[in-house]
């Protein structure tokens, strides 16, 4: 058996904490010397202590943990709870990274105020365009993989090949934080098709204000700010959903901070 100090080093839990766990009946020492009062712990008690620490990390109170351990929580249930917590923490990390990227983009916008714009806006005359598309509501703008997977699957089913770079269209009247109405598109040379959410149809042409952004997706707002300012300054108004065209998106999976991306944003416009 181990003295409380040695057990403390072994499990990396302070002696003070072990004494407190003893006081509240959460982890009793295996033996207490009746003459000295020294506490002694056995190696097998590490299993219970690890459960206590794991449940504590899940946010449970010590009283809740005590009640759960009295019912002998099985290891498989413990693993399931920890994996769920692991997923929650990973999501929190991803959200924090995305928030940091947005803060960085806002700082760049502030730093570039009252400077000459770094982007060139052009007006393009675009002909009607035949596209294959899948439209649906996605959790966030950055979470479109389900649409693109369904689009690729349907194009394979009908043996349709892309005829140009893919693009996304956003149909909401303004920016939304959650559940944007999104359409994944590929230009194609194919006959019209309607199969559930998948369809091949013709997008209308017209005048589009266009801007090209070279850099990661998380700085795209800089280009959009320049584009909106140009539209306002030149007496135009937006008359339909924009097209976010992915001219180059690197060789691997999409990453928010990949500096090699080239993205064109097109907004249909009309002179006021």
Protein backbone atom coordinates (compact mmCIF):
# COMPACT_ATOMS: atom_id res chain seq x y z
CA UNK A 1 0.00 0.00 0.00
CA UNK A 2 0.99 3.64 -0.44
CA UNK A 3 1.17 6.49 2.01
CA UNK A 4 -1.07 9.38 1.05
CA UNK A 5 1.91 11.43 -0.20
CA UNK A 6 3.15 8.62 -2.45
CA UNK A 7 -0.36 7.94 -3.71
CA UNK A 8 -0.71 11.67 -4.42
CA UNK A 9 2.41 11.60 -6.62
CA UNK A 10 1.27 8.42 -8.34
CA UNK A 11 -2.14 9.79 -9.32
CA UNK A 12 -1.04 13.47 -9.60
CA UNK A 13 -3.77 14.64 -7.26
CA UNK A 14 -2.92 16.96 -4.32
CA UNK A 15 -2.87 15.48 -0.82
CA UNK A 16 -5.38 18.12 0.25
CA UNK A 17 -7.82 16.87 -2.41
CA UNK A 18 -7.41 13.24 -1.36
CA UNK A 19 -8.14 14.18 2.24
CA UNK A 20 -11.25 16.06 1.16
CA UNK A 21 -12.46 13.10 -0.91
CA UNK A 22 -12.05 10.98 2.22
CA UNK A 23 -14.02 13.44 4.35
CA UNK A 24 -17.03 13.46 2.00
CA UNK A 25 -16.96 9.68 1.46
CA UNK A 26 -15.97 9.84 -2.19
CA UNK A 27 -12.66 7.96 -1.91
CA UNK A 28 -11.86 6.33 1.41
CA UNK A 29 -8.28 5.17 2.08
CA UNK A 30 -7.80 1.44 2.12
CA UNK A 31 -6.43 1.63 5.63
CA UNK A 32 -5.98 4.23 8.38
CA UNK A 33 -3.37 3.66 11.08
CA UNK A 34 -5.35 3.77 14.38
CA UNK A 35 -2.36 5.19 16.27
CA UNK A 36 -0.92 7.77 13.85
CA UNK A 37 -3.98 8.50 11.67
CA UNK A 38 -1.87 8.02 8.54
CA UNK A 39 -3.89 7.17 5.45
CA UNK A 40 -2.83 4.32 3.16
CA UNK A 41 -4.12 3.65 -0.35
CA UNK A 42 -4.03 0.57 -2.57
CA UNK A 43 -3.16 0.55 -6.29
CA UNK A 44 -6.61 -0.76 -7.26
CA UNK A 45 -8.13 2.51 -5.96
CA UNK A 46 -6.64 4.34 -8.94
CA UNK A 47 -9.51 2.98 -11.04
CA UNK A 48 -12.11 4.70 -8.84
CA UNK A 49 -10.04 7.89 -8.64
CA UNK A 50 -9.74 8.02 -12.45
CA UNK A 51 -13.52 7.75 -12.71
CA UNK A 52 -13.93 10.57 -10.21
CA UNK A 53 -11.56 12.83 -12.15
CA UNK A 54 -13.18 11.95 -15.48
CA UNK A 55 -16.68 12.72 -14.21
CA UNK A 56 -15.44 15.93 -12.62
CA UNK A 57 -14.06 17.02 -16.00
CA UNK A 58 -17.51 16.38 -17.45
CA UNK A 59 -18.82 19.11 -15.15
CA UNK A 60 -20.57 16.92 -12.58
CA UNK A 61 -20.61 17.91 -8.92
CA UNK A 62 -18.82 15.75 -6.36
CA UNK A 63 -22.17 14.76 -4.86
CA UNK A 64 -23.43 13.67 -8.28
CA UNK A 65 -20.22 11.69 -8.79
CA UNK A 66 -20.60 9.97 -5.43
CA UNK A 67 -24.14 8.89 -6.24
CA UNK A 68 -23.11 7.63 -9.69
CA UNK A 69 -20.20 5.61 -8.34
CA UNK A 70 -22.42 4.03 -5.73
CA UNK A 71 -24.29 2.49 -8.69
CA UNK A 72 -21.00 1.17 -10.13
CA UNK A 73 -20.86 3.09 -13.42
CA UNK A 74 -19.57 0.64 -16.10
CA UNK A 75 -16.42 1.44 -18.08
CA UNK A 76 -18.26 1.37 -21.42
CA UNK A 77 -20.66 4.07 -20.23
CA UNK A 78 -17.75 6.10 -18.91
CA UNK A 79 -16.02 5.90 -22.31
CA UNK A 80 -19.19 7.04 -24.05
CA UNK A 81 -19.55 10.05 -21.76
CA UNK A 82 -15.90 11.01 -22.22
CA UNK A 83 -16.12 10.71 -25.99
CA UNK A 84 -19.17 12.96 -25.97
CA UNK A 85 -17.30 15.51 -23.88
CA UNK A 86 -14.32 15.20 -26.22
CA UNK A 87 -16.56 16.04 -29.19
CA UNK A 88 -18.06 19.02 -27.35
CA UNK A 89 -14.60 20.38 -26.51
CA UNK A 90 -13.42 19.92 -30.09
CA UNK A 91 -16.45 21.88 -31.31
CA UNK A 92 -15.66 24.65 -28.81
CA UNK A 93 -12.08 24.79 -30.10
CA UNK A 94 -13.30 25.05 -33.70
CA UNK A 95 -15.76 27.80 -32.79
CA UNK A 96 -13.01 29.70 -30.96
CA UNK A 97 -10.71 29.43 -33.97
CA UNK A 98 -13.46 30.70 -36.25
CA UNK A 99 -14.14 33.59 -33.86
CA UNK A 100 -10.45 34.48 -33.82
CA UNK A 101 -10.43 34.48 -37.61
CA UNK A 102 -13.43 36.83 -37.69
CA UNK A 103 -11.76 39.17 -35.20
CA UNK A 104 -8.62 39.15 -37.36
CA UNK A 105 -10.67 40.01 -40.44
CA UNK A 106 -12.43 42.86 -38.60
CA UNK A 107 -9.08 44.23 -37.45
CA UNK A 108 -7.84 44.23 -41.03
CA UNK A 109 -10.96 46.07 -42.11
CA UNK A 110 -10.40 48.72 -39.44
CA UNK A 111 -6.73 49.04 -40.38
CA UNK A 112 -7.66 49.56 -44.04
CA UNK A 113 -10.25 52.25 -43.41
CA UNK A 114 -9.54 55.51 -45.26
CA UNK A 115 -6.96 53.76 -47.44
CA UNK A 116 -7.03 53.21 -51.17
CA UNK A 117 -8.94 49.99 -51.90
CA UNK A 118 -6.81 46.96 -52.77
CA UNK A 119 -9.53 45.33 -54.87
CA UNK A 120 -10.68 46.02 -58.40
CA UNK A 121 -14.41 45.80 -59.09
CA UNK A 122 -15.65 45.20 -62.62
CA UNK A 123 -19.07 45.02 -64.24
CA UNK A 124 -19.51 41.84 -66.26
CA UNK A 125 -22.13 41.03 -68.88
CA UNK A 126 -22.87 37.36 -68.16
CA UNK A 127 -24.90 35.15 -70.49
CA UNK A 128 -27.48 32.66 -69.20
CA UNK A 129 -25.69 29.67 -67.67
CA UNK A 130 -26.78 26.02 -67.59
CA UNK A 131 -25.98 24.52 -64.18
CA UNK A 132 -26.39 21.33 -62.20
CA UNK A 133 -27.33 22.16 -58.63
CA UNK A 134 -28.49 20.97 -55.25
CA UNK A 135 -30.18 23.54 -53.01
CA UNK A 136 -30.86 23.30 -49.30
CA UNK A 137 -30.51 24.85 -45.87
CA UNK A 138 -27.11 24.21 -44.23
CA UNK A 139 -26.13 24.82 -40.58
CA UNK A 140 -23.61 27.56 -41.45
CA UNK A 141 -22.05 29.07 -44.54
CA UNK A 142 -18.89 27.03 -43.92
CA UNK A 143 -20.77 23.72 -43.54
CA UNK A 144 -21.88 22.91 -47.08
CA UNK A 145 -20.29 19.47 -47.53
CA UNK A 146 -23.67 17.68 -47.54
CA UNK A 147 -24.83 19.71 -50.56
CA UNK A 148 -21.62 19.16 -52.50
CA UNK A 149 -21.64 15.42 -51.80
CA UNK A 150 -25.23 15.09 -53.03
CA UNK A 151 -24.41 17.16 -56.10
CA UNK A 152 -21.39 15.00 -56.98
CA UNK A 153 -23.46 11.84 -56.46
CA UNK A 154 -26.28 13.05 -58.71
CA UNK A 155 -23.87 14.16 -61.45
CA UNK A 156 -22.29 10.70 -61.44
CA UNK A 157 -25.74 9.12 -61.63
CA UNK A 158 -26.62 11.13 -64.76
CA UNK A 159 -23.07 11.00 -66.16
CA UNK A 160 -22.77 14.80 -66.19
CA UNK A 161 -19.34 16.41 -66.32
CA UNK A 162 -18.49 19.92 -64.98
CA UNK A 163 -17.94 22.58 -67.63
CA UNK A 164 -16.34 25.15 -65.33
CA UNK A 165 -15.44 25.97 -61.74
CA UNK A 166 -18.05 25.26 -59.08
CA UNK A 167 -19.79 28.00 -57.14
CA UNK A 168 -22.27 28.53 -54.33
CA UNK A 169 -25.33 30.77 -54.44
CA UNK A 170 -26.90 32.31 -51.33
CA UNK A 171 -30.63 32.97 -51.52
CA UNK A 172 -31.36 34.68 -48.20
CA UNK A 173 -32.18 38.41 -48.51
CA UNK A 174 -29.38 39.21 -46.04
CA UNK A 175 -26.64 37.63 -43.95
CA UNK A 176 -27.86 34.97 -41.52
CA UNK A 177 -25.84 33.43 -38.70
CA UNK A 178 -27.54 30.04 -38.91
CA UNK A 179 -29.29 27.93 -41.56
CA UNK A 180 -28.45 29.87 -44.74
CA UNK A 181 -30.39 28.92 -47.88
CA UNK A 182 -27.52 27.70 -50.06
CA UNK A 183 -27.23 26.26 -53.56
CA UNK A 184 -24.20 24.26 -54.74
CA UNK A 185 -23.67 24.59 -58.51
CA UNK A 186 -21.53 23.39 -61.40
CA UNK A 187 -21.72 24.81 -64.92
CA UNK A 188 -22.63 21.94 -67.26
CA UNK A 189 -23.56 21.07 -70.81
CA UNK A 190 -26.52 18.78 -70.20
CA UNK A 191 -30.24 18.47 -70.73
CA UNK A 192 -32.61 19.74 -68.01
CA UNK A 193 -33.19 17.32 -65.13
CA UNK A 194 -35.38 17.42 -62.01
CA UNK A 195 -34.66 14.74 -59.41
CA UNK A 196 -35.60 15.76 -55.88
CA UNK A 197 -33.30 18.56 -54.78
CA UNK A 198 -31.01 17.93 -57.75
CA UNK A 199 -31.78 19.72 -60.99
CA UNK A 200 -30.18 20.90 -64.19
CA UNK A 201 -31.55 24.25 -65.30
CA UNK A 202 -30.57 27.62 -66.73
CA UNK A 203 -29.55 30.55 -64.57
CA UNK A 204 -30.45 33.96 -66.00
CA UNK A 205 -27.71 36.25 -67.26
CA UNK A 206 -27.34 39.99 -66.80
CA UNK A 207 -25.00 42.56 -65.34
CA UNK A 208 -22.90 41.42 -62.40
CA UNK A 209 -20.53 43.37 -60.16
CA UNK A 210 -17.49 41.14 -59.77
CA UNK A 211 -14.54 41.10 -57.39
CA UNK A 212 -11.71 38.59 -57.02
CA UNK A 213 -10.26 37.74 -53.63
CA UNK A 214 -6.88 36.04 -53.31
CA UNK A 215 -6.45 34.52 -49.87
CA UNK A 216 -8.20 32.41 -47.23
CA UNK A 217 -11.97 32.22 -46.85
CA UNK A 218 -11.83 33.79 -43.40
CA UNK A 219 -10.68 37.10 -44.96
CA UNK A 220 -13.31 37.12 -47.72
CA UNK A 221 -15.24 39.81 -45.86
CA UNK A 222 -12.54 42.32 -46.84
CA UNK A 223 -13.36 41.83 -50.53
CA UNK A 224 -17.10 41.95 -49.88
CA UNK A 225 -16.74 45.24 -48.00
CA UNK A 226 -14.87 46.73 -50.94
CA UNK A 227 -17.49 45.40 -53.36
CA UNK A 228 -20.45 46.78 -51.40
CA UNK A 229 -18.78 50.19 -51.13
CA UNK A 230 -18.18 50.22 -54.90
CA UNK A 231 -21.81 49.27 -55.61
CA UNK A 232 -23.06 52.10 -53.42
CA UNK A 233 -20.57 54.68 -54.72
CA UNK A 234 -21.39 53.89 -58.35
CA UNK A 235 -25.16 54.03 -58.10
CA UNK A 236 -26.05 50.35 -58.35
CA UNK A 237 -28.33 48.09 -56.34
CA UNK A 238 -28.23 44.31 -55.84
CA UNK A 239 -31.14 42.48 -57.50
CA UNK A 240 -30.58 38.79 -56.75
CA UNK A 241 -28.52 36.08 -55.06
CA UNK A 242 -24.74 36.30 -55.31
CA UNK A 243 -22.46 33.67 -56.79
CA UNK A 244 -19.33 32.69 -54.86
CA UNK A 245 -17.09 31.08 -57.48
CA UNK A 246 -14.17 28.91 -56.38
CA UNK A 247 -11.52 29.54 -59.02
CA UNK A 248 -8.82 27.75 -57.04
CA UNK A 249 -9.21 26.05 -53.69
CA UNK A 250 -5.90 24.31 -53.15
CA UNK A 251 -5.06 20.66 -53.50
CA UNK A 252 -6.48 19.32 -50.23
CA UNK A 253 -9.68 19.71 -48.21
CA UNK A 254 -10.94 23.25 -47.75
CA UNK A 255 -9.27 25.10 -44.88
CA UNK A 256 -10.46 28.49 -43.65
CA UNK A 257 -6.90 29.83 -43.44
CA UNK A 258 -5.44 28.51 -46.73
CA UNK A 259 -3.69 31.49 -48.38
CA UNK A 260 -3.72 29.92 -51.88
CA UNK A 261 -7.46 30.26 -52.49
CA UNK A 262 -8.80 32.43 -55.30
CA UNK A 263 -12.50 33.27 -55.01
CA UNK A 264 -14.68 35.44 -57.25
CA UNK A 265 -17.88 36.99 -55.91
CA UNK A 266 -20.50 38.10 -58.40
CA UNK A 267 -23.61 40.10 -57.45
CA UNK A 268 -26.35 40.78 -60.01
CA UNK A 269 -26.83 44.56 -60.08
CA UNK A 270 -28.93 47.24 -61.68
CA UNK A 271 -28.39 50.98 -62.00
CA UNK A 272 -30.54 52.96 -59.60
